[in-house]
Amino acid sequence: MSDTKSVSDCKSLARSLSTKSLGATHENSNVAVYEGDWVWLKKFEPGVYHELRQSTTSTLRKMKDLRNENVNPFLGFFSDCGIFAIVTEHCSRGSLEDLLRNEDVKLDWMFKSSLLLDLIKGMRYLHHRDFPHGRLKSRNCVVDGRFVLKITDYGLNDIVETQKCPRYPHPPGELFWTAPELLRDQTLARRGTFKGDVYSFAIILQEVVVRGPPYCMSGLSAEEIIRKVKKPPPLCRPTVAPDQAPLQCIQLMKQCWSELAERRPTFDEIFDQFKTINKGKKTNIIDSMLRMLEQYSSNLEDLIRERTEELEVEKQKTEKLLSQMLPPSVAEALKTGGTVEPEYFDQVTIYFSDIVGFTTISALSEPIEVVDLLNDLYTLFDAVLGNHDVYKVETIGDAYMVASGLPKRNGNKHAAEIANMSLDILSSVGTFQMRHMPDVPVRIRIGLHSGPCVAGVVGLTMPRYCLFGDTVNTASRMESTGLLCASGLNNQKHPHD
């Protein structure tokens, strides 16, 4: 800000904060920009602060002198355009109440105890500087970007009192953090007391432990809770399960909300007791987060290793399935995005077979029975293929097509491999029975032919490895015009051209 002056008193401080320096601050906005940084405006009722009183200026000077990492710094008092506000640093993670309500943030006990220790250290510092807070609650404990808790709204009671600001009754839900003696005596409540701050800390401690609003387990209305707290017996306090925090922590909380103010410990005593709760362990939030990250990283490595092994198994299954649908060399080329050029083979042998009377069998069978028949028969044929140097090209309906000599050339062995395979298939058909027609024999017709052909991949969606040429056509005609091959080897015909 170009017109910022050295701050020697509160009046010059007020002049240094202008609407221009705060950027586009609207009446309904509590966030502004001052010297390039975000700041927070704690606004007062308009029309009250036409002029700051001398006692108010003294309080503001005391606030300006406070320096502690757990006390949100006071930057100045803003008075312009009908807006009157205390200016403090803006903490990006909001209030402690916001953090506790945010279920996306995981809070273990070390995380919680770090926040509580920050609160204890901040209140201990304020009390050493003779600053009772008087308004302490989870809403005015703010958390910065490094998860450091800082206390704000300190000194407001003094400012409201010295400026003679009119007092308005608080809703019952805003009084949960107020000590019973302050509920009974409004004079004490206006200034705040050290013992009253200890009571407020105990209610915040309950919020952090159960990660819920004050008295969230009671089931009573806010009006009834305040009435019971103000006029015991019976004593009305929040309920905390023993397993939600260390036993010493719950005992400390009960001491801090004692009905008798003189029995409540000071924040020096609270600090000493709280250190023993963690048994000397560091409660730095960064250390806690790093420890959580290390554990997460270790768990993540194990998870990645398991998932990688599972992925490798699935990859092998996929590659095996793909190699059964396409030749391995073709499959590799397609996986890398390459094109598969048609290939010429000068010597191959082609095998065709189909089921005799398949049309009649289909007419007398249910569709599911036809599928079961073909699946059973061709599973039997597929088992035979594993013992020979052949390649299953495809099945269409009841037609079964096999080749040898492609896609892997095998010299002059292709005819013998196909012939031996055919004999084994005939032998296996001899013992085959249809599930739904066990008394009806299954007969197949086979055709073979040797010669040249061209093989290539057709299509991009569900690509098929297809064979073309006169050899394929001749083998098909040999099958359709050949003799029937029943469940024995008596009527076999094995043409070799």
Protein backbone atom coordinates (compact mmCIF):
# COMPACT_ATOMS: atom_id res chain seq x y z
CA MET A 1 0.00 0.00 0.00
CA SER A 2 1.54 3.26 -1.09
CA ASP A 3 0.18 5.45 1.72
CA THR A 4 0.97 3.15 4.66
CA LYS A 5 2.66 4.99 7.57
CA SER A 6 4.65 3.79 10.54
CA VAL A 7 2.25 2.74 13.28
CA SER A 8 3.00 4.58 16.50
CA ASP A 9 -0.49 4.59 17.96
CA CYS A 10 -3.91 3.15 17.23
CA LYS A 11 -5.13 6.19 15.32
CA SER A 12 -2.32 6.03 12.79
CA LEU A 13 -2.94 2.30 12.56
CA ALA A 14 -6.58 2.93 11.73
CA ARG A 15 -5.57 5.40 9.01
CA SER A 16 -3.13 2.87 7.50
CA LEU A 17 -6.01 0.48 6.80
CA SER A 18 -8.16 1.94 4.07
CA THR A 19 -10.78 0.61 1.71
CA LYS A 20 -8.24 0.94 -1.06
CA SER A 21 -5.64 -1.12 0.77
CA LEU A 22 -8.19 -3.77 1.67
CA GLY A 23 -9.26 -4.22 -1.93
CA ALA A 24 -12.90 -4.82 -2.86
CA THR A 25 -14.26 -5.30 0.65
CA HIS A 26 -18.05 -5.54 0.69
CA GLU A 27 -20.20 -5.01 3.76
CA ASN A 28 -21.09 -8.70 3.82
CA SER A 29 -17.51 -9.94 3.31
CA ASN A 30 -15.15 -10.83 6.13
CA VAL A 31 -12.12 -11.50 3.93
CA ALA A 32 -9.99 -8.74 2.41
CA VAL A 33 -6.50 -8.13 1.04
CA TYR A 34 -3.95 -6.03 2.93
CA GLU A 35 -0.42 -5.51 1.56
CA GLY A 36 -0.88 -8.50 -0.73
CA ASP A 37 -1.99 -10.95 2.00
CA TRP A 38 -5.43 -12.17 2.95
CA VAL A 39 -6.78 -10.79 6.21
CA TRP A 40 -9.87 -11.44 8.30
CA LEU A 41 -12.26 -8.73 9.49
CA LYS A 42 -13.99 -9.27 12.83
CA LYS A 43 -16.82 -6.75 12.43
CA PHE A 44 -18.70 -4.84 15.11
CA GLU A 45 -22.13 -3.30 15.06
CA PRO A 46 -22.13 -0.26 12.70
CA GLY A 47 -22.41 3.24 14.14
CA VAL A 48 -20.73 2.41 17.47
CA TYR A 49 -17.11 3.40 16.78
CA HIS A 50 -17.24 6.96 15.55
CA GLU A 51 -14.23 7.58 17.78
CA LEU A 52 -11.99 5.18 19.66
CA ARG A 53 -11.79 5.83 23.38
CA GLN A 54 -8.42 6.13 25.10
CA SER A 55 -8.96 2.90 27.05
CA THR A 56 -9.82 1.10 23.80
CA THR A 57 -6.64 2.39 22.20
CA SER A 58 -4.67 1.03 25.15
CA THR A 59 -6.26 -2.41 24.67
CA LEU A 60 -5.47 -2.39 20.97
CA ARG A 61 -1.84 -1.53 21.71
CA LYS A 62 -1.62 -4.48 24.08
CA MET A 63 -3.10 -6.73 21.41
CA LYS A 64 -0.58 -5.41 18.86
CA ASP A 65 2.29 -6.36 21.17
CA LEU A 66 1.25 -10.02 21.49
CA ARG A 67 3.68 -12.35 19.73
CA ASN A 68 3.09 -16.09 19.88
CA GLU A 69 2.84 -18.76 17.20
CA ASN A 70 -0.47 -19.95 18.66
CA VAL A 71 -2.07 -16.49 18.89
CA ASN A 72 -3.49 -15.10 15.64
CA PRO A 73 -1.68 -11.76 15.06
CA PHE A 74 -3.69 -8.56 15.47
CA LEU A 75 -2.96 -6.27 12.49
CA GLY A 76 -5.12 -3.24 13.18
CA PHE A 77 -8.51 -1.66 13.59
CA PHE A 78 -10.40 -0.81 10.41
CA SER A 79 -12.88 2.06 10.38
CA ASP A 80 -14.19 3.22 7.03
CA CYS A 81 -17.37 3.25 4.93
CA GLY A 82 -19.45 2.45 7.99
CA ILE A 83 -17.43 -0.73 8.67
CA PHE A 84 -15.72 -1.18 12.04
CA ALA A 85 -13.61 -4.31 12.42
CA ILE A 86 -10.63 -5.93 14.09
CA VAL A 87 -8.13 -7.02 11.40
CA THR A 88 -6.22 -10.28 11.89
CA GLU A 89 -4.40 -12.77 9.70
CA HIS A 90 -6.61 -15.02 7.60
CA CYS A 91 -6.12 -18.74 8.28
CA SER A 92 -6.89 -20.78 5.19
CA ARG A 93 -8.24 -23.91 6.90
CA GLY A 94 -10.93 -22.06 8.80
CA SER A 95 -11.85 -22.63 12.42
CA LEU A 96 -11.28 -25.67 14.59
CA GLU A 97 -15.04 -26.23 14.40
CA ASP A 98 -14.81 -26.36 10.58
CA LEU A 99 -11.92 -28.83 10.74
CA LEU A 100 -13.76 -31.13 13.15
CA ARG A 101 -16.87 -31.13 10.96
CA ASN A 102 -14.89 -31.89 7.79
CA GLU A 103 -15.11 -35.68 7.47
CA ASP A 104 -12.58 -35.70 4.62
CA VAL A 105 -9.82 -34.83 7.12
CA LYS A 106 -8.75 -37.90 9.09
CA LEU A 107 -7.83 -37.04 12.70
CA ASP A 108 -5.98 -39.62 14.78
CA TRP A 109 -5.14 -38.97 18.42
CA MET A 110 -1.70 -37.51 17.61
CA PHE A 111 -3.35 -35.08 15.20
CA LYS A 112 -5.95 -34.10 17.81
CA SER A 113 -3.42 -33.78 20.63
CA SER A 114 -1.26 -31.50 18.46
CA LEU A 115 -4.18 -29.15 17.94
CA LEU A 116 -5.05 -29.25 21.65
CA LEU A 117 -1.45 -28.56 22.65
CA ASP A 118 -1.42 -25.52 20.36
CA LEU A 119 -4.57 -24.30 22.09
CA ILE A 120 -3.08 -24.84 25.55
CA LYS A 121 0.13 -23.00 24.64
CA GLY A 122 -1.77 -20.10 23.14
CA MET A 123 -4.04 -19.71 26.19
CA ARG A 124 -1.11 -20.06 28.56
CA TYR A 125 0.63 -17.21 26.75
CA LEU A 126 -2.48 -14.99 26.88
CA HIS A 127 -2.93 -15.61 30.60
CA HIS A 128 0.74 -14.83 31.25
CA ARG A 129 0.16 -11.52 29.45
CA ASP A 130 -2.88 -10.88 31.69
CA PHE A 131 -5.35 -11.40 28.84
CA PRO A 132 -8.42 -13.42 29.82
CA HIS A 133 -10.15 -14.39 26.61
CA GLY A 134 -13.76 -14.50 27.78
CA ARG A 135 -15.13 -15.76 24.44
CA LEU A 136 -13.10 -18.94 23.89
CA LYS A 137 -14.80 -21.56 21.72
CA SER A 138 -13.91 -23.81 18.80
CA ARG A 139 -15.22 -21.18 16.39
CA ASN A 140 -12.51 -18.66 17.29
CA CYS A 141 -9.66 -21.17 17.27
CA VAL A 142 -8.43 -20.96 13.68
CA VAL A 143 -6.11 -23.29 11.78
CA ASP A 144 -3.57 -22.08 9.23
CA GLY A 145 -2.24 -23.84 6.14
CA ARG A 146 0.36 -25.76 8.19
CA PHE A 147 -2.32 -27.10 10.57
CA VAL A 148 -1.12 -24.83 13.38
CA LEU A 149 -3.96 -23.75 15.68
CA LYS A 150 -4.12 -20.05 16.59
CA ILE A 151 -6.41 -18.26 19.04
CA THR A 152 -8.30 -15.23 17.82
CA ASP A 153 -11.01 -12.84 19.12
CA TYR A 154 -8.98 -12.15 22.29
CA GLY A 155 -9.50 -8.66 23.75
CA LEU A 156 -12.96 -8.25 22.22
CA ASN A 157 -14.67 -8.21 25.60
CA ASP A 158 -12.49 -5.28 26.71
CA ILE A 159 -13.16 -3.36 23.49
CA VAL A 160 -16.92 -3.91 23.70
CA GLU A 161 -16.86 -2.82 27.36
CA THR A 162 -14.73 0.30 26.91
CA GLN A 163 -16.63 1.45 23.84
CA LYS A 164 -19.92 1.02 25.72
CA CYS A 165 -21.25 -1.24 22.98
CA PRO A 166 -24.82 -2.38 23.59
CA ARG A 167 -25.11 -5.99 24.73
CA TYR A 168 -27.47 -8.35 22.96
CA PRO A 169 -28.63 -11.69 24.42
CA HIS A 170 -26.83 -14.71 23.02
CA PRO A 171 -28.72 -17.73 21.65
CA PRO A 172 -28.50 -20.71 24.06
CA GLY A 173 -26.30 -22.62 21.62
CA GLU A 174 -23.68 -19.84 21.82
CA LEU A 175 -23.40 -20.25 25.61
CA PHE A 176 -22.23 -23.89 25.69
CA TRP A 177 -18.63 -22.74 26.31
CA THR A 178 -19.56 -20.25 29.07
CA ALA A 179 -18.70 -21.27 32.64
CA PRO A 180 -21.67 -21.61 35.03
CA GLU A 181 -20.51 -18.75 37.28
CA LEU A 182 -20.40 -16.45 34.25
CA LEU A 183 -23.91 -17.51 33.26
CA ARG A 184 -25.07 -16.41 36.69
CA ASP A 185 -23.10 -13.13 36.84
CA GLN A 186 -23.21 -10.93 33.73
CA THR A 187 -20.61 -8.57 35.19
CA LEU A 188 -18.04 -11.36 35.19
CA ALA A 189 -19.17 -12.48 31.76
CA ARG A 190 -18.52 -9.05 30.23
CA ARG A 191 -14.85 -9.10 31.18
CA GLY A 192 -14.17 -12.82 31.22
CA THR A 193 -12.06 -14.70 33.78
CA PHE A 194 -9.06 -17.00 33.70
CA LYS A 195 -11.05 -19.84 35.30
CA GLY A 196 -13.86 -19.24 32.82
CA ASP A 197 -11.36 -19.78 29.97
CA VAL A 198 -10.36 -23.10 31.54
CA TYR A 199 -14.00 -24.20 31.50
CA SER A 200 -14.28 -23.16 27.83
CA PHE A 201 -11.17 -25.19 27.06
CA ALA A 202 -12.81 -28.28 28.61
CA ILE A 203 -15.82 -27.95 26.30
CA ILE A 204 -13.49 -27.59 23.29
CA LEU A 205 -11.60 -30.65 24.50
CA GLN A 206 -14.87 -32.60 24.43
CA GLU A 207 -15.51 -31.41 20.86
CA VAL A 208 -12.08 -32.58 19.72
CA VAL A 209 -12.27 -35.94 21.51
CA VAL A 210 -15.69 -36.97 20.19
CA ARG A 211 -15.36 -34.89 17.02
CA GLY A 212 -18.83 -33.47 17.49
CA PRO A 213 -20.65 -30.40 18.86
CA PRO A 214 -20.81 -29.72 22.61
CA TYR A 215 -23.30 -31.93 24.44
CA CYS A 216 -23.91 -33.88 21.21
CA MET A 217 -24.50 -37.07 23.20
CA SER A 218 -27.03 -35.63 25.66
CA GLY A 219 -30.14 -35.42 23.45
CA LEU A 220 -31.28 -32.27 25.30
CA SER A 221 -32.24 -28.95 23.76
CA ALA A 222 -29.84 -26.01 24.02
CA GLU A 223 -32.24 -24.12 26.32
CA GLU A 224 -32.51 -27.08 28.69
CA ILE A 225 -28.74 -27.62 28.76
CA ILE A 226 -28.01 -23.98 29.64
CA ARG A 227 -30.73 -24.00 32.31
CA LYS A 228 -29.24 -27.14 33.92
CA VAL A 229 -25.67 -25.78 33.75
CA LYS A 230 -26.76 -22.48 35.27
CA LYS A 231 -28.81 -24.00 38.10
CA PRO A 232 -27.53 -27.38 39.33
CA PRO A 233 -28.11 -29.91 40.74
CA PRO A 234 -27.96 -32.21 38.97
CA LEU A 235 -24.63 -31.38 37.34
CA CYS A 236 -24.97 -31.14 33.57
CA ARG A 237 -21.84 -31.77 31.52
CA PRO A 238 -21.03 -33.42 28.13
CA THR A 239 -20.71 -37.20 27.94
CA VAL A 240 -17.48 -38.79 26.66
CA ALA A 241 -16.98 -42.53 26.24
CA PRO A 242 -13.85 -43.93 28.01
CA ASP A 243 -12.49 -45.43 24.77
CA GLN A 244 -12.53 -42.13 22.85
CA ALA A 245 -9.40 -40.67 24.47
CA PRO A 246 -6.69 -41.57 27.01
CA LEU A 247 -8.04 -41.84 30.55
CA GLN A 248 -5.80 -39.00 31.79
CA CYS A 249 -7.25 -36.74 29.09
CA ILE A 250 -10.83 -37.43 30.20
CA GLN A 251 -9.86 -36.85 33.85
CA LEU A 252 -8.22 -33.54 32.90
CA MET A 253 -11.34 -32.49 31.02
CA LYS A 254 -13.53 -33.18 34.07
CA GLN A 255 -11.17 -31.16 36.28
CA CYS A 256 -11.37 -28.22 33.88
CA TRP A 257 -15.18 -28.09 33.90
CA SER A 258 -15.47 -28.43 37.65
CA GLU A 259 -18.46 -26.59 39.16
CA LEU A 260 -16.14 -24.84 41.61
CA ALA A 261 -13.90 -22.43 39.71
CA GLU A 262 -11.08 -22.60 42.28
CA ARG A 263 -10.74 -26.35 41.65
CA ARG A 264 -10.00 -25.87 37.96
CA PRO A 265 -6.32 -26.08 37.03
CA THR A 266 -4.40 -23.21 35.46
CA PHE A 267 -3.14 -23.48 31.89
CA ASP A 268 0.39 -23.99 33.25
CA GLU A 269 -0.89 -27.05 35.12
CA ILE A 270 -2.90 -28.16 32.11
CA PHE A 271 0.23 -27.92 29.95
CA ASP A 272 2.23 -30.07 32.37
CA GLN A 273 -0.53 -32.69 32.64
CA PHE A 274 -1.08 -32.81 28.90
CA LYS A 275 2.60 -33.57 28.26
CA THR A 276 2.33 -36.63 30.49
CA ILE A 277 -0.74 -37.83 28.57
CA ASN A 278 1.40 -38.27 25.45
CA LYS A 279 4.24 -39.77 27.54
CA GLY A 280 6.79 -37.31 26.25
CA LYS A 281 6.05 -38.01 22.60
CA LYS A 282 6.27 -35.10 20.19
CA THR A 283 2.89 -33.83 19.13
CA ASN A 284 4.06 -31.72 16.24
CA ILE A 285 1.40 -31.88 13.56
CA ILE A 286 3.97 -32.04 10.75
CA ASP A 287 5.69 -35.03 12.39
CA SER A 288 2.32 -36.69 12.78
CA MET A 289 1.42 -36.07 9.15
CA LEU A 290 4.82 -37.33 7.95
CA ARG A 291 4.38 -40.47 10.03
CA MET A 292 0.92 -40.98 8.53
CA LEU A 293 2.35 -40.43 5.03
CA GLU A 294 5.14 -42.95 5.66
CA GLN A 295 2.63 -45.53 6.84
CA TYR A 296 0.39 -44.76 3.88
CA SER A 297 3.36 -45.03 1.51
CA SER A 298 4.34 -48.40 2.97
CA ASN A 299 0.78 -49.68 2.68
CA LEU A 300 0.58 -48.27 -0.82
CA GLU A 301 3.75 -50.10 -1.89
CA ASP A 302 2.31 -53.41 -0.65
CA LEU A 303 -0.98 -52.67 -2.38
CA ILE A 304 0.79 -51.76 -5.63
CA ARG A 305 2.82 -54.97 -5.46
CA GLU A 306 -0.32 -57.05 -4.98
CA ARG A 307 -2.16 -55.22 -7.74
CA THR A 308 0.84 -55.59 -10.07
CA GLU A 309 0.91 -59.35 -9.49
CA GLU A 310 -2.82 -59.56 -10.12
CA LEU A 311 -2.41 -57.43 -13.24
CA GLU A 312 0.35 -59.70 -14.51
CA VAL A 313 -1.84 -62.78 -14.03
CA GLU A 314 -4.73 -61.10 -15.84
CA LYS A 315 -2.38 -59.94 -18.58
CA GLN A 316 -1.18 -63.50 -19.12
CA LYS A 317 -4.78 -64.70 -19.29
CA THR A 318 -5.60 -62.00 -21.82
CA GLU A 319 -2.55 -62.76 -23.96
CA LYS A 320 -3.35 -66.46 -23.86
CA LEU A 321 -6.92 -65.77 -24.99
CA LEU A 322 -5.71 -63.41 -27.69
CA SER A 323 -3.18 -65.96 -28.94
CA GLN A 324 -6.01 -68.48 -29.24
CA MET A 325 -8.06 -66.08 -31.33
CA LEU A 326 -5.21 -64.81 -33.54
CA PRO A 327 -1.70 -66.01 -34.37
CA PRO A 328 0.82 -64.66 -31.84
CA SER A 329 2.73 -62.64 -34.47
CA VAL A 330 -0.52 -61.06 -35.68
CA ALA A 331 -1.68 -60.34 -32.12
CA GLU A 332 1.62 -58.60 -31.26
CA ALA A 333 1.39 -56.42 -34.35
CA LEU A 334 -2.19 -55.41 -33.56
CA LYS A 335 -1.35 -54.63 -29.90
CA THR A 336 1.38 -52.21 -30.95
CA GLY A 337 -0.97 -50.49 -33.36
CA GLY A 338 0.79 -51.80 -36.45
CA THR A 339 -0.78 -53.07 -39.63
CA VAL A 340 -0.71 -56.74 -40.65
CA GLU A 341 0.13 -57.25 -44.30
CA PRO A 342 -1.38 -60.29 -46.09
CA GLU A 343 1.11 -63.14 -46.39
CA TYR A 344 1.53 -65.73 -49.18
CA PHE A 345 2.14 -69.38 -48.28
CA ASP A 346 3.18 -71.71 -51.11
CA GLN A 347 2.48 -75.02 -49.31
CA VAL A 348 -0.27 -75.56 -46.73
CA THR A 349 -2.94 -78.16 -46.05
CA ILE A 350 -6.50 -77.13 -45.24
CA TYR A 351 -9.02 -79.20 -43.25
CA PHE A 352 -12.82 -78.73 -43.34
CA SER A 353 -15.46 -80.76 -41.52
CA ASP A 354 -19.13 -80.45 -40.68
CA ILE A 355 -21.84 -82.48 -38.95
CA VAL A 356 -23.98 -84.65 -41.19
CA GLY A 357 -27.68 -83.93 -40.78
CA PHE A 358 -27.04 -80.86 -38.65
CA THR A 359 -30.14 -79.10 -40.05
CA THR A 360 -32.37 -82.00 -38.96
CA ILE A 361 -30.70 -82.21 -35.53
CA SER A 362 -31.22 -78.46 -35.05
CA ALA A 363 -34.88 -78.71 -35.99
CA LEU A 364 -35.45 -81.42 -33.38
CA SER A 365 -33.51 -79.62 -30.63
CA GLU A 366 -33.87 -76.54 -28.49
CA PRO A 367 -31.42 -73.70 -29.28
CA ILE A 368 -29.60 -74.23 -25.99
CA GLU A 369 -29.21 -77.92 -26.82
CA VAL A 370 -27.68 -77.04 -30.19
CA VAL A 371 -25.17 -74.75 -28.46
CA ASP A 372 -24.29 -77.48 -25.95
CA LEU A 373 -23.80 -79.99 -28.82
CA LEU A 374 -21.41 -77.76 -30.74
CA ASN A 375 -19.53 -76.74 -27.60
CA ASP A 376 -19.06 -80.34 -26.48
CA LEU A 377 -18.01 -81.57 -29.92
CA TYR A 378 -15.60 -78.76 -30.74
CA THR A 379 -14.08 -78.83 -27.26
CA LEU A 380 -13.29 -82.45 -28.04
CA PHE A 381 -11.77 -81.45 -31.39
CA ASP A 382 -9.75 -78.64 -29.78
CA ALA A 383 -8.17 -81.14 -27.40
CA VAL A 384 -7.01 -83.21 -30.37
CA LEU A 385 -5.42 -80.18 -32.04
CA GLY A 386 -2.98 -79.74 -29.16
CA ASN A 387 -1.14 -82.91 -30.23
CA HIS A 388 -0.44 -81.73 -33.78
CA ASP A 389 1.35 -78.88 -35.56
CA VAL A 390 -1.85 -77.27 -36.81
CA TYR A 391 -3.70 -73.93 -36.45
CA LYS A 392 -7.43 -73.69 -35.86
CA VAL A 393 -8.70 -71.01 -38.22
CA GLU A 394 -12.36 -70.72 -37.19
CA THR A 395 -15.71 -72.40 -36.60
CA ILE A 396 -18.87 -71.21 -38.37
CA GLY A 397 -21.99 -73.01 -37.23
CA ASP A 398 -21.18 -76.68 -37.54
CA ALA A 399 -18.20 -76.06 -39.86
CA TYR A 400 -14.72 -76.61 -38.41
CA MET A 401 -11.65 -75.28 -40.27
CA VAL A 402 -8.00 -76.11 -39.50
CA ALA A 403 -4.73 -75.43 -41.39
CA SER A 404 -1.17 -76.60 -41.14
CA GLY A 405 1.87 -74.82 -42.60
CA LEU A 406 0.59 -71.40 -41.51
CA PRO A 407 1.01 -68.99 -39.88
CA LYS A 408 4.17 -70.92 -38.97
CA ARG A 409 5.71 -72.75 -41.90
CA ASN A 410 6.66 -76.39 -41.27
CA GLY A 411 8.18 -77.52 -44.57
CA ASN A 412 6.56 -80.67 -45.99
CA LYS A 413 5.01 -81.79 -42.70
CA HIS A 414 1.70 -79.98 -43.17
CA ALA A 415 -0.12 -82.79 -45.03
CA ALA A 416 0.92 -85.47 -42.56
CA GLU A 417 -0.04 -83.31 -39.58
CA ILE A 418 -3.53 -82.65 -40.96
CA ALA A 419 -4.01 -86.31 -41.92
CA ASN A 420 -3.01 -87.59 -38.50
CA MET A 421 -5.19 -84.99 -36.84
CA SER A 422 -8.15 -86.10 -38.99
CA LEU A 423 -7.71 -89.72 -37.93
CA ASP A 424 -7.59 -88.70 -34.26
CA ILE A 425 -10.75 -86.60 -34.67
CA LEU A 426 -12.55 -89.56 -36.28
CA SER A 427 -11.44 -91.75 -33.41
CA SER A 428 -12.75 -89.29 -30.82
CA VAL A 429 -16.10 -88.90 -32.61
CA GLY A 430 -16.59 -92.65 -32.29
CA THR A 431 -17.22 -92.32 -28.54
CA PHE A 432 -19.04 -88.99 -28.61
CA GLN A 433 -22.70 -88.77 -27.56
CA MET A 434 -25.09 -85.83 -27.66
CA ARG A 435 -26.42 -85.00 -24.21
CA HIS A 436 -30.01 -84.57 -25.33
CA MET A 437 -29.95 -87.36 -27.95
CA PRO A 438 -27.58 -90.02 -26.64
CA ASP A 439 -28.98 -92.72 -28.96
CA VAL A 440 -28.41 -90.74 -32.16
CA PRO A 441 -24.89 -91.24 -33.57
CA VAL A 442 -22.88 -88.23 -34.65
CA ARG A 443 -21.38 -88.41 -38.14
CA ILE A 444 -19.00 -85.90 -39.70
CA ARG A 445 -17.85 -85.23 -43.26
CA ILE A 446 -14.17 -84.25 -43.78
CA GLY A 447 -12.40 -82.64 -46.73
CA LEU A 448 -8.63 -82.01 -47.11
CA HIS A 449 -6.56 -80.27 -49.73
CA SER A 450 -2.96 -79.04 -50.06
CA GLY A 451 -1.64 -76.10 -52.01
CA PRO A 452 -0.84 -72.38 -51.83
CA CYS A 453 -2.98 -69.72 -50.13
CA VAL A 454 -2.93 -66.17 -48.83
CA ALA A 455 -3.62 -65.34 -45.16
CA GLY A 456 -4.41 -61.96 -43.64
CA VAL A 457 -6.37 -60.05 -41.02
CA VAL A 458 -9.78 -58.74 -41.97
CA GLY A 459 -11.45 -55.93 -40.01
CA LEU A 460 -10.47 -53.71 -37.09
CA THR A 461 -13.39 -54.45 -34.77
CA MET A 462 -13.10 -58.13 -33.79
CA PRO A 463 -10.41 -58.77 -36.46
CA ARG A 464 -10.37 -62.25 -38.02
CA TYR A 465 -7.47 -64.20 -39.47
CA CYS A 466 -8.80 -65.46 -42.83
CA LEU A 467 -7.45 -67.70 -45.60
CA PHE A 468 -8.04 -67.08 -49.30
CA GLY A 469 -7.28 -69.00 -52.48
CA ASP A 470 -8.24 -72.01 -54.59
CA THR A 471 -6.80 -74.37 -51.97
CA VAL A 472 -9.40 -73.21 -49.48
CA ASN A 473 -12.21 -73.51 -52.03
CA THR A 474 -11.10 -76.98 -53.11
CA ALA A 475 -10.85 -78.23 -49.51
CA SER A 476 -14.38 -76.95 -48.89
CA ARG A 477 -15.69 -78.74 -52.01
CA MET A 478 -13.86 -81.93 -50.99
CA GLU A 479 -15.71 -81.80 -47.69
CA SER A 480 -19.13 -81.13 -49.16
CA THR A 481 -18.83 -83.89 -51.82
CA GLY A 482 -16.83 -86.48 -49.86
CA LEU A 483 -18.00 -89.69 -48.27
CA LEU A 484 -19.57 -89.68 -44.80
CA CYS A 485 -17.28 -90.39 -41.87
CA ALA A 486 -19.26 -92.18 -39.17
CA SER A 487 -18.14 -93.07 -35.69
CA GLY A 488 -15.58 -95.47 -37.04
CA LEU A 489 -12.79 -95.44 -39.63
CA ASN A 490 -14.49 -97.54 -42.34
CA ASN A 491 -15.68 -94.81 -44.71
CA GLN A 492 -12.77 -92.38 -44.50
CA LYS A 493 -11.52 -90.48 -47.49
CA HIS A 494 -8.29 -88.54 -47.28
CA PRO A 495 -7.64 -86.74 -50.57
CA HIS A 496 -4.25 -85.20 -51.09
CA ASP A 497 -3.93 -83.17 -54.28
